[in-house]
Amino acid sequence: MTEISEQLLAGDRRILSRVISQLERGALEAAQVLKAIDSHTGGAYTVGITGPPGAGKSTMVDRLTQLLRQEGLKVGIIGVDPTSPFTGGAIL
């Protein structure tokens, strides 16, 4: 296991940010890190929230995050706006 993999598993947010950026650019090293940590992951839920502007998506995400953290759980949020003319669908 690489040093980066160990730092990810220890919860280093700076390293996580770097690996996500590398994945977005298609860096092979980041994909290798994901393979290295794969056996240590699992049990996570993926939730998708969609809706028109002003429907309360952000409010819902904020409240859900608060509730889960009150239960002592960790929460990671990846926001994507595929219709944005500014980001072109980039991860926000």
PDB file of N, CA and C in Angstrom:
ATOM      1  N   MET A   1       0.851  -1.172   0.000  1.00  0.00           N
ATOM      2  CA  MET A   1       0.000   0.000   0.000  1.00  0.00           C
ATOM      3  C   MET A   1       0.902   1.241   0.000  1.00  0.00           C
ATOM      4  N   THR A   2       0.498   2.227  -0.755  1.00  0.00           N
ATOM      5  CA  THR A   2       1.294   3.445  -0.870  1.00  0.00           C
ATOM      6  C   THR A   2       1.045   4.381   0.310  1.00  0.00           C
ATOM      7  N   GLU A   3       1.936   5.331   0.471  1.00  0.00           N
ATOM      8  CA  GLU A   3       1.778   6.325   1.535  1.00  0.00           C
ATOM      9  C   GLU A   3       0.484   7.117   1.343  1.00  0.00           C
ATOM     10  N   ILE A   4       0.171   7.448   0.090  1.00  0.00           N
ATOM     11  CA  ILE A   4      -1.062   8.192  -0.192  1.00  0.00           C
ATOM     12  C   ILE A   4      -2.283   7.374   0.218  1.00  0.00           C
ATOM     13  N   SER A   5      -2.266   6.080  -0.083  1.00  0.00           N
ATOM     14  CA  SER A   5      -3.380   5.209   0.299  1.00  0.00           C
ATOM     15  C   SER A   5      -3.554   5.187   1.808  1.00  0.00           C
ATOM     16  N   GLU A   6      -2.443   5.095   2.525  1.00  0.00           N
ATOM     17  CA  GLU A   6      -2.504   5.073   3.986  1.00  0.00           C
ATOM     18  C   GLU A   6      -3.059   6.384   4.535  1.00  0.00           C
ATOM     19  N   GLN A   7      -2.661   7.495   3.927  1.00  0.00           N
ATOM     20  CA  GLN A   7      -3.163   8.795   4.374  1.00  0.00           C
ATOM     21  C   GLN A   7      -4.664   8.925   4.111  1.00  0.00           C
ATOM     22  N   LEU A   8      -5.112   8.406   2.976  1.00  0.00           N
ATOM     23  CA  LEU A   8      -6.552   8.425   2.681  1.00  0.00           C
ATOM     24  C   LEU A   8      -7.328   7.638   3.729  1.00  0.00           C
ATOM     25  N   LEU A   9      -6.845   6.444   4.027  1.00  0.00           N
ATOM     26  CA  LEU A   9      -7.529   5.596   4.999  1.00  0.00           C
ATOM     27  C   LEU A   9      -7.510   6.200   6.399  1.00  0.00           C
ATOM     28  N   ALA A  10      -6.524   7.055   6.672  1.00  0.00           N
ATOM     29  CA  ALA A  10      -6.448   7.734   7.966  1.00  0.00           C
ATOM     30  C   ALA A  10      -7.359   8.958   8.020  1.00  0.00           C
ATOM     31  N   GLY A  11      -7.982   9.305   6.880  1.00  0.00           N
ATOM     32  CA  GLY A  11      -8.926  10.419   6.861  1.00  0.00           C
ATOM     33  C   GLY A  11      -8.329  11.764   6.501  1.00  0.00           C
ATOM     34  N   ASP A  12      -7.174  11.768   5.849  1.00  0.00           N
ATOM     35  CA  ASP A  12      -6.515  13.024   5.466  1.00  0.00           C
ATOM     36  C   ASP A  12      -7.305  13.695   4.342  1.00  0.00           C
ATOM     37  N   ARG A  13      -7.972  14.788   4.658  1.00  0.00           N
ATOM     38  CA  ARG A  13      -8.833  15.471   3.680  1.00  0.00           C
ATOM     39  C   ARG A  13      -8.024  16.157   2.581  1.00  0.00           C
ATOM     40  N   ARG A  14      -6.836  16.617   2.909  1.00  0.00           N
ATOM     41  CA  ARG A  14      -5.990  17.272   1.904  1.00  0.00           C
ATOM     42  C   ARG A  14      -5.601  16.261   0.819  1.00  0.00           C
ATOM     43  N   ILE A  15      -5.244  15.067   1.240  1.00  0.00           N
ATOM     44  CA  ILE A  15      -4.886  14.017   0.287  1.00  0.00           C
ATOM     45  C   ILE A  15      -6.114  13.607  -0.516  1.00  0.00           C
ATOM     46  N   LEU A  16      -7.262  13.508   0.134  1.00  0.00           N
ATOM     47  CA  LEU A  16      -8.496  13.169  -0.572  1.00  0.00           C
ATOM     48  C   LEU A  16      -8.776  14.171  -1.678  1.00  0.00           C
ATOM     49  N   SER A  17      -8.633  15.442  -1.367  1.00  0.00           N
ATOM     50  CA  SER A  17      -8.853  16.493  -2.360  1.00  0.00           C
ATOM     51  C   SER A  17      -7.902  16.337  -3.538  1.00  0.00           C
ATOM     52  N   ARG A  18      -6.652  16.035  -3.242  1.00  0.00           N
ATOM     53  CA  ARG A  18      -5.653  15.860  -4.302  1.00  0.00           C
ATOM     54  C   ARG A  18      -5.991  14.661  -5.200  1.00  0.00           C
ATOM     55  N   VAL A  19      -6.396  13.554  -4.577  1.00  0.00           N
ATOM     56  CA  VAL A  19      -6.730  12.354  -5.355  1.00  0.00           C
ATOM     57  C   VAL A  19      -7.957  12.605  -6.230  1.00  0.00           C
ATOM     58  N   ILE A  20      -8.966  13.289  -5.704  1.00  0.00           N
ATOM     59  CA  ILE A  20     -10.153  13.607  -6.505  1.00  0.00           C
ATOM     60  C   ILE A  20      -9.763  14.458  -7.707  1.00  0.00           C
ATOM     61  N   SER A  21      -8.921  15.459  -7.490  1.00  0.00           N
ATOM     62  CA  SER A  21      -8.470  16.314  -8.601  1.00  0.00           C
ATOM     63  C   SER A  21      -7.720  15.499  -9.644  1.00  0.00           C
ATOM     64  N   GLN A  22      -6.880  14.578  -9.192  1.00  0.00           N
ATOM     65  CA  GLN A  22      -6.135  13.738 -10.130  1.00  0.00           C
ATOM     66  C   GLN A  22      -7.071  12.826 -10.916  1.00  0.00           C
ATOM     67  N   LEU A  23      -8.093  12.292 -10.251  1.00  0.00           N
ATOM     68  CA  LEU A  23      -9.067  11.447 -10.945  1.00  0.00           C
ATOM     69  C   LEU A  23      -9.807  12.226 -12.019  1.00  0.00           C
ATOM     70  N   GLU A  24     -10.157  13.470 -11.709  1.00  0.00           N
ATOM     71  CA  GLU A  24     -10.849  14.309 -12.694  1.00  0.00           C
ATOM     72  C   GLU A  24      -9.977  14.539 -13.928  1.00  0.00           C
ATOM     73  N   ARG A  25      -8.677  14.621 -13.725  1.00  0.00           N
ATOM     74  CA  ARG A  25      -7.751  14.828 -14.847  1.00  0.00           C
ATOM     75  C   ARG A  25      -7.378  13.522 -15.539  1.00  0.00           C
ATOM     76  N   GLY A  26      -7.792  12.396 -14.968  1.00  0.00           N
ATOM     77  CA  GLY A  26      -7.502  11.106 -15.569  1.00  0.00           C
ATOM     78  C   GLY A  26      -6.121  10.570 -15.245  1.00  0.00           C
ATOM     79  N   ALA A  27      -5.533  11.004 -14.146  1.00  0.00           N
ATOM     80  CA  ALA A  27      -4.195  10.552 -13.766  1.00  0.00           C
ATOM     81  C   ALA A  27      -4.226   9.081 -13.356  1.00  0.00           C
ATOM     82  N   LEU A  28      -3.352   8.300 -13.947  1.00  0.00           N
ATOM     83  CA  LEU A  28      -3.278   6.869 -13.678  1.00  0.00           C
ATOM     84  C   LEU A  28      -2.948   6.595 -12.213  1.00  0.00           C
ATOM     85  N   GLU A  29      -2.109   7.424 -11.608  1.00  0.00           N
ATOM     86  CA  GLU A  29      -1.709   7.212 -10.217  1.00  0.00           C
ATOM     87  C   GLU A  29      -2.914   7.209  -9.281  1.00  0.00           C
ATOM     88  N   ALA A  30      -3.869   8.081  -9.535  1.00  0.00           N
ATOM     89  CA  ALA A  30      -5.057   8.160  -8.684  1.00  0.00           C
ATOM     90  C   ALA A  30      -5.870   6.876  -8.785  1.00  0.00           C
ATOM     91  N   ALA A  31      -5.983   6.332  -9.975  1.00  0.00           N
ATOM     92  CA  ALA A  31      -6.716   5.079 -10.157  1.00  0.00           C
ATOM     93  C   ALA A  31      -6.025   3.945  -9.397  1.00  0.00           C
ATOM     94  N   GLN A  32      -4.707   3.961  -9.363  1.00  0.00           N
ATOM     95  CA  GLN A  32      -3.963   2.938  -8.623  1.00  0.00           C
ATOM     96  C   GLN A  32      -4.195   3.070  -7.121  1.00  0.00           C
ATOM     97  N   VAL A  33      -4.315   4.300  -6.642  1.00  0.00           N
ATOM     98  CA  VAL A  33      -4.609   4.530  -5.224  1.00  0.00           C
ATOM     99  C   VAL A  33      -5.982   3.953  -4.891  1.00  0.00           C
ATOM    100  N   LEU A  34      -6.962   4.176  -5.759  1.00  0.00           N
ATOM    101  CA  LEU A  34      -8.304   3.640  -5.514  1.00  0.00           C
ATOM    102  C   LEU A  34      -8.281   2.122  -5.444  1.00  0.00           C
ATOM    103  N   LYS A  35      -7.512   1.492  -6.312  1.00  0.00           N
ATOM    104  CA  LYS A  35      -7.392   0.030  -6.268  1.00  0.00           C
ATOM    105  C   LYS A  35      -6.788  -0.420  -4.945  1.00  0.00           C
ATOM    106  N   ALA A  36      -5.811   0.343  -4.453  1.00  0.00           N
ATOM    107  CA  ALA A  36      -5.130  -0.027  -3.211  1.00  0.00           C
ATOM    108  C   ALA A  36      -6.046   0.069  -1.994  1.00  0.00           C
ATOM    109  N   ILE A  37      -6.992   0.991  -1.999  1.00  0.00           N
ATOM    110  CA  ILE A  37      -7.859   1.165  -0.821  1.00  0.00           C
ATOM    111  C   ILE A  37      -9.193   0.437  -0.953  1.00  0.00           C
ATOM    112  N   ASP A  38      -9.466  -0.149  -2.110  1.00  0.00           N
ATOM    113  CA  ASP A  38     -10.768  -0.758  -2.378  1.00  0.00           C
ATOM    114  C   ASP A  38     -11.179  -1.785  -1.325  1.00  0.00           C
ATOM    115  N   SER A  39     -10.254  -2.625  -0.902  1.00  0.00           N
ATOM    116  CA  SER A  39     -10.614  -3.677   0.056  1.00  0.00           C
ATOM    117  C   SER A  39     -10.915  -3.118   1.451  1.00  0.00           C
ATOM    118  N   HIS A  40     -10.595  -1.854   1.681  1.00  0.00           N
ATOM    119  CA  HIS A  40     -10.841  -1.221   2.976  1.00  0.00           C
ATOM    120  C   HIS A  40     -12.122  -0.388   2.982  1.00  0.00           C
ATOM    121  N   THR A  41     -12.835  -0.375   1.878  1.00  0.00           N
ATOM    122  CA  THR A  41     -14.031   0.451   1.775  1.00  0.00           C
ATOM    123  C   THR A  41     -15.271  -0.427   1.744  1.00  0.00           C
ATOM    124  N   GLY A  42     -16.390   0.187   1.798  1.00  0.00           N
ATOM    125  CA  GLY A  42     -17.653  -0.552   1.732  1.00  0.00           C
ATOM    126  C   GLY A  42     -18.610  -0.057   2.794  1.00  0.00           C
ATOM    127  N   GLY A  43     -19.826  -0.424   2.650  1.00  0.00           N
ATOM    128  CA  GLY A  43     -20.832  -0.035   3.615  1.00  0.00           C
ATOM    129  C   GLY A  43     -21.351   1.382   3.453  1.00  0.00           C
ATOM    130  N   ALA A  44     -20.924   2.044   2.400  1.00  0.00           N
ATOM    131  CA  ALA A  44     -21.375   3.417   2.179  1.00  0.00           C
ATOM    132  C   ALA A  44     -22.668   3.416   1.362  1.00  0.00           C
ATOM    133  N   TYR A  45     -23.418   4.465   1.527  1.00  0.00           N
ATOM    134  CA  TYR A  45     -24.630   4.656   0.743  1.00  0.00           C
ATOM    135  C   TYR A  45     -24.395   5.757  -0.277  1.00  0.00           C
ATOM    136  N   THR A  46     -25.029   5.627  -1.423  1.00  0.00           N
ATOM    137  CA  THR A  46     -25.011   6.674  -2.433  1.00  0.00           C
ATOM    138  C   THR A  46     -26.437   7.172  -2.590  1.00  0.00           C
ATOM    139  N   VAL A  47     -26.611   8.470  -2.468  1.00  0.00           N
ATOM    140  CA  VAL A  47     -27.939   9.069  -2.570  1.00  0.00           C
ATOM    141  C   VAL A  47     -27.891  10.142  -3.642  1.00  0.00           C
ATOM    142  N   GLY A  48     -28.839  10.125  -4.545  1.00  0.00           N
ATOM    143  CA  GLY A  48     -28.936  11.159  -5.572  1.00  0.00           C
ATOM    144  C   GLY A  48     -30.130  12.056  -5.293  1.00  0.00           C
ATOM    145  N   ILE A  49     -29.914  13.351  -5.384  1.00  0.00           N
ATOM    146  CA  ILE A  49     -31.000  14.311  -5.159  1.00  0.00           C
ATOM    147  C   ILE A  49     -31.073  15.216  -6.377  1.00  0.00           C
ATOM    148  N   THR A  50     -32.223  15.237  -7.020  1.00  0.00           N
ATOM    149  CA  THR A  50     -32.403  16.062  -8.212  1.00  0.00           C
ATOM    150  C   THR A  50     -33.658  16.912  -8.062  1.00  0.00           C
ATOM    151  N   GLY A  51     -33.756  17.912  -8.900  1.00  0.00           N
ATOM    152  CA  GLY A  51     -34.948  18.750  -8.891  1.00  0.00           C
ATOM    153  C   GLY A  51     -34.668  20.078  -9.557  1.00  0.00           C
ATOM    154  N   PRO A  52     -35.722  20.812  -9.837  1.00  0.00           N
ATOM    155  CA  PRO A  52     -35.563  22.109 -10.496  1.00  0.00           C
ATOM    156  C   PRO A  52     -34.977  23.146  -9.540  1.00  0.00           C
ATOM    157  N   PRO A  53     -34.487  24.253 -10.094  1.00  0.00           N
ATOM    158  CA  PRO A  53     -33.963  25.327  -9.240  1.00  0.00           C
ATOM    159  C   PRO A  53     -35.013  25.787  -8.230  1.00  0.00           C
ATOM    160  N   GLY A  54     -34.580  25.982  -6.991  1.00  0.00           N
ATOM    161  CA  GLY A  54     -35.481  26.476  -5.955  1.00  0.00           C
ATOM    162  C   GLY A  54     -36.328  25.419  -5.276  1.00  0.00           C
ATOM    163  N   ALA A  55     -36.121  24.148  -5.614  1.00  0.00           N
ATOM    164  CA  ALA A  55     -36.949  23.085  -5.047  1.00  0.00           C
ATOM    165  C   ALA A  55     -36.549  22.703  -3.624  1.00  0.00           C
ATOM    166  N   GLY A  56     -35.370  23.159  -3.178  1.00  0.00           N
ATOM    167  CA  GLY A  56     -34.936  22.843  -1.819  1.00  0.00           C
ATOM    168  C   GLY A  56     -33.888  21.750  -1.732  1.00  0.00           C
ATOM    169  N   LYS A  57     -33.210  21.470  -2.840  1.00  0.00           N
ATOM    170  CA  LYS A  57     -32.191  20.416  -2.844  1.00  0.00           C
ATOM    171  C   LYS A  57     -31.076  20.705  -1.843  1.00  0.00           C
ATOM    172  N   SER A  58     -30.545  21.914  -1.868  1.00  0.00           N
ATOM    173  CA  SER A  58     -29.446  22.268  -0.960  1.00  0.00           C
ATOM    174  C   SER A  58     -29.893  22.222   0.489  1.00  0.00           C
ATOM    175  N   THR A  59     -31.091  22.686   0.759  1.00  0.00           N
ATOM    176  CA  THR A  59     -31.631  22.643   2.116  1.00  0.00           C
ATOM    177  C   THR A  59     -31.764  21.203   2.580  1.00  0.00           C
ATOM    178  N   MET A  60     -32.235  20.345   1.698  1.00  0.00           N
ATOM    179  CA  MET A  60     -32.393  18.935   2.030  1.00  0.00           C
ATOM    180  C   MET A  60     -31.038  18.286   2.325  1.00  0.00           C
ATOM    181  N   VAL A  61     -30.048  18.579   1.499  1.00  0.00           N
ATOM    182  CA  VAL A  61     -28.708  18.029   1.708  1.00  0.00           C
ATOM    183  C   VAL A  61     -28.133  18.532   3.029  1.00  0.00           C
ATOM    184  N   ASP A  62     -28.295  19.820   3.312  1.00  0.00           N
ATOM    185  CA  ASP A  62     -27.802  20.387   4.570  1.00  0.00           C
ATOM    186  C   ASP A  62     -28.426  19.692   5.777  1.00  0.00           C
ATOM    187  N   ARG A  63     -29.723  19.534   5.747  1.00  0.00           N
ATOM    188  CA  ARG A  63     -30.432  18.927   6.885  1.00  0.00           C
ATOM    189  C   ARG A  63     -30.066  17.455   7.042  1.00  0.00           C
ATOM    190  N   LEU A  64     -30.010  16.726   5.938  1.00  0.00           N
ATOM    191  CA  LEU A  64     -29.636  15.313   5.979  1.00  0.00           C
ATOM    192  C   LEU A  64     -28.223  15.155   6.535  1.00  0.00           C
ATOM    193  N   THR A  65     -27.320  16.037   6.123  1.00  0.00           N
ATOM    194  CA  THR A  65     -25.944  16.010   6.625  1.00  0.00           C
ATOM    195  C   THR A  65     -25.914  16.242   8.131  1.00  0.00           C
ATOM    196  N   GLN A  66     -26.678  17.213   8.598  1.00  0.00           N
ATOM    197  CA  GLN A  66     -26.740  17.487  10.043  1.00  0.00           C
ATOM    198  C   GLN A  66     -27.223  16.265  10.820  1.00  0.00           C
ATOM    199  N   LEU A  67     -28.275  15.642  10.327  1.00  0.00           N
ATOM    200  CA  LEU A  67     -28.835  14.478  11.016  1.00  0.00           C
ATOM    201  C   LEU A  67     -27.847  13.320  11.067  1.00  0.00           C
ATOM    202  N   LEU A  68     -27.185  13.049   9.956  1.00  0.00           N
ATOM    203  CA  LEU A  68     -26.234  11.938   9.913  1.00  0.00           C
ATOM    204  C   LEU A  68     -25.027  12.201  10.808  1.00  0.00           C
ATOM    205  N   ARG A  69     -24.548  13.429  10.824  1.00  0.00           N
ATOM    206  CA  ARG A  69     -23.403  13.769  11.684  1.00  0.00           C
ATOM    207  C   ARG A  69     -23.780  13.707  13.164  1.00  0.00           C
ATOM    208  N   GLN A  70     -25.015  14.045  13.489  1.00  0.00           N
ATOM    209  CA  GLN A  70     -25.480  13.922  14.877  1.00  0.00           C
ATOM    210  C   GLN A  70     -25.458  12.467  15.331  1.00  0.00           C
ATOM    211  N   GLU A  71     -25.601  11.564  14.372  1.00  0.00           N
ATOM    212  CA  GLU A  71     -25.552  10.131  14.666  1.00  0.00           C
ATOM    213  C   GLU A  71     -24.119   9.603  14.688  1.00  0.00           C
ATOM    214  N   GLY A  72     -23.142  10.502  14.490  1.00  0.00           N
ATOM    215  CA  GLY A  72     -21.739  10.104  14.520  1.00  0.00           C
ATOM    216  C   GLY A  72     -21.225   9.524  13.219  1.00  0.00           C
ATOM    217  N   LEU A  73     -21.978   9.706  12.150  1.00  0.00           N
ATOM    218  CA  LEU A  73     -21.579   9.168  10.851  1.00  0.00           C
ATOM    219  C   LEU A  73     -20.774  10.194  10.064  1.00  0.00           C
ATOM    220  N   LYS A  74     -19.977   9.696   9.141  1.00  0.00           N
ATOM    221  CA  LYS A  74     -19.218  10.570   8.251  1.00  0.00           C
ATOM    222  C   LYS A  74     -20.025  10.781   6.979  1.00  0.00           C
ATOM    223  N   VAL A  75     -19.944  11.983   6.437  1.00  0.00           N
ATOM    224  CA  VAL A  75     -20.702  12.336   5.241  1.00  0.00           C
ATOM    225  C   VAL A  75     -19.758  12.961   4.227  1.00  0.00           C
ATOM    226  N   GLY A  76     -19.836  12.494   3.002  1.00  0.00           N
ATOM    227  CA  GLY A  76     -19.101  13.103   1.895  1.00  0.00           C
ATOM    228  C   GLY A  76     -20.097  13.519   0.832  1.00  0.00           C
ATOM    229  N   ILE A  77     -19.928  14.705   0.303  1.00  0.00           N
ATOM    230  CA  ILE A  77     -20.877  15.219  -0.686  1.00  0.00           C
ATOM    231  C   ILE A  77     -20.128  15.588  -1.954  1.00  0.00           C
ATOM    232  N   ILE A  78     -20.598  15.064  -3.067  1.00  0.00           N
ATOM    233  CA  ILE A  78     -20.081  15.451  -4.377  1.00  0.00           C
ATOM    234  C   ILE A  78     -21.253  16.044  -5.136  1.00  0.00           C
ATOM    235  N   GLY A  79     -21.162  17.317  -5.464  1.00  0.00           N
ATOM    236  CA  GLY A  79     -22.239  17.999  -6.175  1.00  0.00           C
ATOM    237  C   GLY A  79     -21.890  18.196  -7.636  1.00  0.00           C
ATOM    238  N   VAL A  80     -22.821  17.882  -8.505  1.00  0.00           N
ATOM    239  CA  VAL A  80     -22.617  18.035  -9.946  1.00  0.00           C
ATOM    240  C   VAL A  80     -23.824  18.743 -10.542  1.00  0.00           C
ATOM    241  N   ASP A  81     -23.575  19.733 -11.366  1.00  0.00           N
ATOM    242  CA  ASP A  81     -24.643  20.394 -12.117  1.00  0.00           C
ATOM    243  C   ASP A  81     -24.361  20.165 -13.596  1.00  0.00           C
ATOM    244  N   PRO A  82     -24.937  19.101 -14.178  1.00  0.00           N
ATOM    245  CA  PRO A  82     -24.627  18.764 -15.572  1.00  0.00           C
ATOM    246  C   PRO A  82     -25.128  19.781 -16.582  1.00  0.00           C
ATOM    247  N   THR A  83     -26.010  20.682 -16.167  1.00  0.00           N
ATOM    248  CA  THR A  83     -26.551  21.661 -17.115  1.00  0.00           C
ATOM    249  C   THR A  83     -25.871  23.018 -17.019  1.00  0.00           C
ATOM    250  N   SER A  84     -24.944  23.161 -16.101  1.00  0.00           N
ATOM    251  CA  SER A  84     -24.322  24.469 -15.879  1.00  0.00           C
ATOM    252  C   SER A  84     -23.479  24.918 -17.068  1.00  0.00           C
ATOM    253  N   PRO A  85     -23.772  26.111 -17.597  1.00  0.00           N
ATOM    254  CA  PRO A  85     -22.936  26.635 -18.683  1.00  0.00           C
ATOM    255  C   PRO A  85     -21.570  27.090 -18.166  1.00  0.00           C
ATOM    256  N   PHE A  86     -21.447  27.239 -16.844  1.00  0.00           N
ATOM    257  CA  PHE A  86     -20.186  27.689 -16.254  1.00  0.00           C
ATOM    258  C   PHE A  86     -19.209  26.545 -16.044  1.00  0.00           C
ATOM    259  N   THR A  87     -19.708  25.410 -15.547  1.00  0.00           N
ATOM    260  CA  THR A  87     -18.822  24.285 -15.249  1.00  0.00           C
ATOM    261  C   THR A  87     -18.859  23.204 -16.316  1.00  0.00           C
ATOM    262  N   GLY A  88     -19.878  23.223 -17.162  1.00  0.00           N
ATOM    263  CA  GLY A  88     -19.991  22.186 -18.186  1.00  0.00           C
ATOM    264  C   GLY A  88     -20.245  20.812 -17.598  1.00  0.00           C
ATOM    265  N   GLY A  89     -20.785  20.766 -16.400  1.00  0.00           N
ATOM    266  CA  GLY A  89     -21.081  19.489 -15.768  1.00  0.00           C
ATOM    267  C   GLY A  89     -19.984  19.019 -14.841  1.00  0.00           C
ATOM    268  N   ALA A  90     -19.066  19.882 -14.488  1.00  0.00           N
ATOM    269  CA  ALA A  90     -17.962  19.497 -13.619  1.00  0.00           C
ATOM    270  C   ALA A  90     -18.450  19.210 -12.207  1.00  0.00           C
ATOM    271  N   ILE A  91     -17.645  18.449 -11.476  1.00  0.00           N
ATOM    272  CA  ILE A  91     -17.925  18.214 -10.069  1.00  0.00           C
ATOM    273  C   ILE A  91     -17.727  19.526  -9.339  1.00  0.00           C
ATOM    274  N   LEU A  92     -18.706  19.901  -8.522  1.00  0.00           N
ATOM    275  CA  LEU A  92     -18.656  21.179  -7.808  1.00  0.00           C
ATOM    276  C   LEU A  92     -18.006  21.019  -6.448  1.00  0.00           C
TER     277      LEU A  92
END
